[in-house]
């Protein structure tokens, strides 16, 4: 014969676990799905982890907004053929810095390397957000020449430099 009193603590613990799971599901339903940490600055993207309901254009807009104020110009688009969000950035003085760095100016080279490291951190943070919002998609960053914006000074994918003028 089973002793019902012996199972009471087990039932209480099981009930508490079920209640905790229900509360987590309720409170996390509208939780943040992505936090973009850009060198200490945080951009929060709200939504539901189970069903983020964001279009590709909305994700591109969220990425753009997370970078506004850090660069002179920011734009972002999505390429459906290659599953890539492309972020285009410009910052005043980067073309001159790149030329001086390529010519061997140590101060300019140090500034260029710091900029590349910062962009790698940004690329990584944006990729983490995209992994949450739009799995399988990638983030590519173009640092455009601020004097001739049709030319890229740096192209980066997965925090790896693909092309650099320096």
Protein backbone atom coordinates (compact mmCIF):
# COMPACT_ATOMS: atom_id res chain seq x y z
CA UNK A 1 0.00 0.00 0.00
CA UNK A 2 1.30 3.46 -0.92
CA UNK A 3 1.86 5.99 1.81
CA UNK A 4 0.20 9.18 0.52
CA UNK A 5 1.99 11.32 3.10
CA UNK A 6 5.37 10.23 1.73
CA UNK A 7 4.48 11.54 -1.75
CA UNK A 8 3.21 14.92 -0.50
CA UNK A 9 6.64 16.65 -0.63
CA UNK A 10 7.23 15.29 -4.14
CA UNK A 11 3.86 16.63 -5.30
CA UNK A 12 4.55 20.03 -3.72
CA UNK A 13 7.93 20.30 -5.45
CA UNK A 14 6.46 19.16 -8.77
CA UNK A 15 3.65 21.71 -8.42
CA UNK A 16 6.18 24.48 -7.71
CA UNK A 17 8.23 23.52 -10.76
CA UNK A 18 5.14 23.57 -13.00
CA UNK A 19 4.08 26.93 -11.57
CA UNK A 20 7.58 28.36 -12.12
CA UNK A 21 7.56 27.16 -15.74
CA UNK A 22 4.15 28.73 -16.35
CA UNK A 23 5.27 32.04 -14.81
CA UNK A 24 8.45 32.04 -16.92
CA UNK A 25 6.44 31.41 -20.06
CA UNK A 26 4.04 34.25 -19.23
CA UNK A 27 6.74 36.78 -18.30
CA UNK A 28 9.13 35.84 -21.11
CA UNK A 29 6.44 35.91 -23.78
CA UNK A 30 7.12 39.60 -24.41
CA UNK A 31 10.78 39.45 -23.47
CA UNK A 32 13.60 41.05 -25.33
CA UNK A 33 14.86 38.89 -28.15
CA UNK A 34 18.01 40.79 -28.92
CA UNK A 35 20.28 43.25 -27.24
CA UNK A 36 22.85 44.92 -29.40
CA UNK A 37 25.83 45.95 -27.27
CA UNK A 38 27.97 48.36 -29.24
CA UNK A 39 31.02 49.13 -27.11
CA UNK A 40 28.92 49.67 -24.02
CA UNK A 41 25.96 51.29 -25.79
CA UNK A 42 22.90 49.07 -25.81
CA UNK A 43 20.04 48.98 -28.29
CA UNK A 44 17.13 46.79 -27.19
CA UNK A 45 14.94 45.04 -29.73
CA UNK A 46 11.62 43.91 -28.19
CA UNK A 47 9.60 40.94 -29.37
CA UNK A 48 8.64 37.35 -28.71
CA UNK A 49 11.36 34.69 -28.77
CA UNK A 50 8.92 32.09 -30.08
CA UNK A 51 7.56 34.20 -32.93
CA UNK A 52 9.52 37.37 -33.64
CA UNK A 53 7.14 38.51 -36.42
CA UNK A 54 9.67 40.85 -38.02
CA UNK A 55 9.96 41.31 -41.76
CA UNK A 56 13.41 41.52 -43.33
CA UNK A 57 12.86 45.26 -43.86
CA UNK A 58 11.96 45.75 -40.18
CA UNK A 59 15.09 43.89 -39.06
CA UNK A 60 17.19 46.04 -41.43
CA UNK A 61 15.56 49.15 -39.96
CA UNK A 62 16.29 47.94 -36.41
CA UNK A 63 19.95 47.39 -37.32
CA UNK A 64 20.14 50.85 -38.86
CA UNK A 65 18.54 52.49 -35.83
CA UNK A 66 20.95 50.73 -33.48
CA UNK A 67 23.87 52.46 -35.26
CA UNK A 68 22.40 55.94 -35.72
CA UNK A 69 24.41 58.63 -34.00
CA UNK A 70 27.62 56.59 -34.09
CA UNK A 71 28.33 57.30 -37.77
CA UNK A 72 27.71 60.21 -40.14
CA UNK A 73 25.48 58.09 -42.38
CA UNK A 74 23.97 54.66 -41.81
CA UNK A 75 21.85 52.60 -44.15
CA UNK A 76 20.93 48.93 -44.20
CA UNK A 77 19.32 46.66 -46.77
CA UNK A 78 18.54 42.96 -47.13
CA UNK A 79 19.61 40.80 -50.07
CA UNK A 80 17.14 37.91 -50.40
CA UNK A 81 19.35 36.07 -52.89
CA UNK A 82 22.33 35.82 -50.54
CA UNK A 83 20.52 36.08 -47.17
CA UNK A 84 22.65 39.06 -46.12
CA UNK A 85 21.88 42.28 -44.29
CA UNK A 86 24.29 44.85 -45.67
CA UNK A 87 25.10 47.84 -43.47
CA UNK A 88 26.65 50.89 -45.15
CA UNK A 89 28.49 53.33 -42.87
CA UNK A 90 30.42 56.57 -43.33
CA UNK A 91 32.43 58.56 -40.82
CA UNK A 92 34.12 61.86 -41.61
CA UNK A 93 37.87 61.65 -41.92
CA UNK A 94 38.14 57.91 -42.50
CA UNK A 95 39.34 58.30 -46.10
CA UNK A 96 42.19 60.56 -45.00
CA UNK A 97 43.03 58.23 -42.11
CA UNK A 98 43.13 55.26 -44.50
CA UNK A 99 45.45 57.06 -46.95
CA UNK A 100 47.78 58.17 -44.15
CA UNK A 101 47.77 54.67 -42.61
CA UNK A 102 48.56 53.11 -45.98
CA UNK A 103 51.45 55.59 -46.33
CA UNK A 104 52.92 54.36 -43.04
CA UNK A 105 51.79 57.09 -40.63
CA UNK A 106 51.87 55.28 -37.26
CA UNK A 107 49.20 57.44 -35.57
CA UNK A 108 46.87 56.98 -38.55
CA UNK A 109 47.57 53.25 -38.63
CA UNK A 110 46.74 52.97 -34.91
CA UNK A 111 43.51 54.93 -35.47
CA UNK A 112 42.63 52.70 -38.44
CA UNK A 113 43.27 49.52 -36.43
CA UNK A 114 41.10 50.79 -33.57
CA UNK A 115 38.32 51.54 -36.08
CA UNK A 116 38.60 48.03 -37.55
CA UNK A 117 38.42 46.47 -34.07
CA UNK A 118 35.38 48.60 -33.23
CA UNK A 119 33.67 47.55 -36.46
CA UNK A 120 34.43 43.89 -35.68
CA UNK A 121 32.72 44.31 -32.30
CA UNK A 122 29.76 46.02 -33.98
CA UNK A 123 29.56 43.31 -36.67
CA UNK A 124 29.56 40.61 -34.00
CA UNK A 125 26.83 42.35 -31.97
CA UNK A 126 24.65 42.88 -35.04
CA UNK A 127 25.15 39.25 -36.08
CA UNK A 128 24.03 38.05 -32.64
CA UNK A 129 20.87 40.14 -32.95
CA UNK A 130 20.20 38.82 -36.46
CA UNK A 131 20.81 35.23 -35.27
CA UNK A 132 17.97 35.77 -32.82
CA UNK A 133 15.60 37.63 -35.14
CA UNK A 134 16.38 36.04 -38.49
CA UNK A 135 18.43 32.83 -38.17
CA UNK A 136 20.62 31.82 -41.14
CA UNK A 137 21.02 35.42 -42.29
CA UNK A 138 24.38 37.18 -42.18
CA UNK A 139 25.48 40.76 -41.56
CA UNK A 140 28.01 42.45 -43.84
CA UNK A 141 29.46 45.90 -43.09
CA UNK A 142 30.75 48.34 -45.68
CA UNK A 143 32.73 51.30 -44.36
CA UNK A 144 32.36 53.70 -47.26
CA UNK A 145 34.82 56.37 -48.34
CA UNK A 146 33.48 59.61 -46.87
CA UNK A 147 34.82 61.60 -49.84
CA UNK A 148 33.67 59.26 -52.61
CA UNK A 149 30.86 57.12 -51.13
CA UNK A 150 30.78 54.80 -54.16
CA UNK A 151 34.03 53.25 -52.88
CA UNK A 152 34.46 51.06 -49.82
CA UNK A 153 37.39 51.48 -47.47
CA UNK A 154 36.58 48.26 -45.64
CA UNK A 155 34.24 45.30 -46.14
CA UNK A 156 33.57 42.92 -43.26
CA UNK A 157 31.52 39.73 -42.84
CA UNK A 158 31.29 37.69 -39.61
CA UNK A 159 33.76 40.12 -38.01
CA UNK A 160 36.34 39.12 -40.61
CA UNK A 161 37.86 41.73 -42.87
CA UNK A 162 37.24 40.76 -46.50
CA UNK A 163 38.66 43.91 -48.10
CA UNK A 164 40.62 46.81 -46.67
CA UNK A 165 42.42 49.66 -48.37
CA UNK A 166 45.05 49.58 -45.63
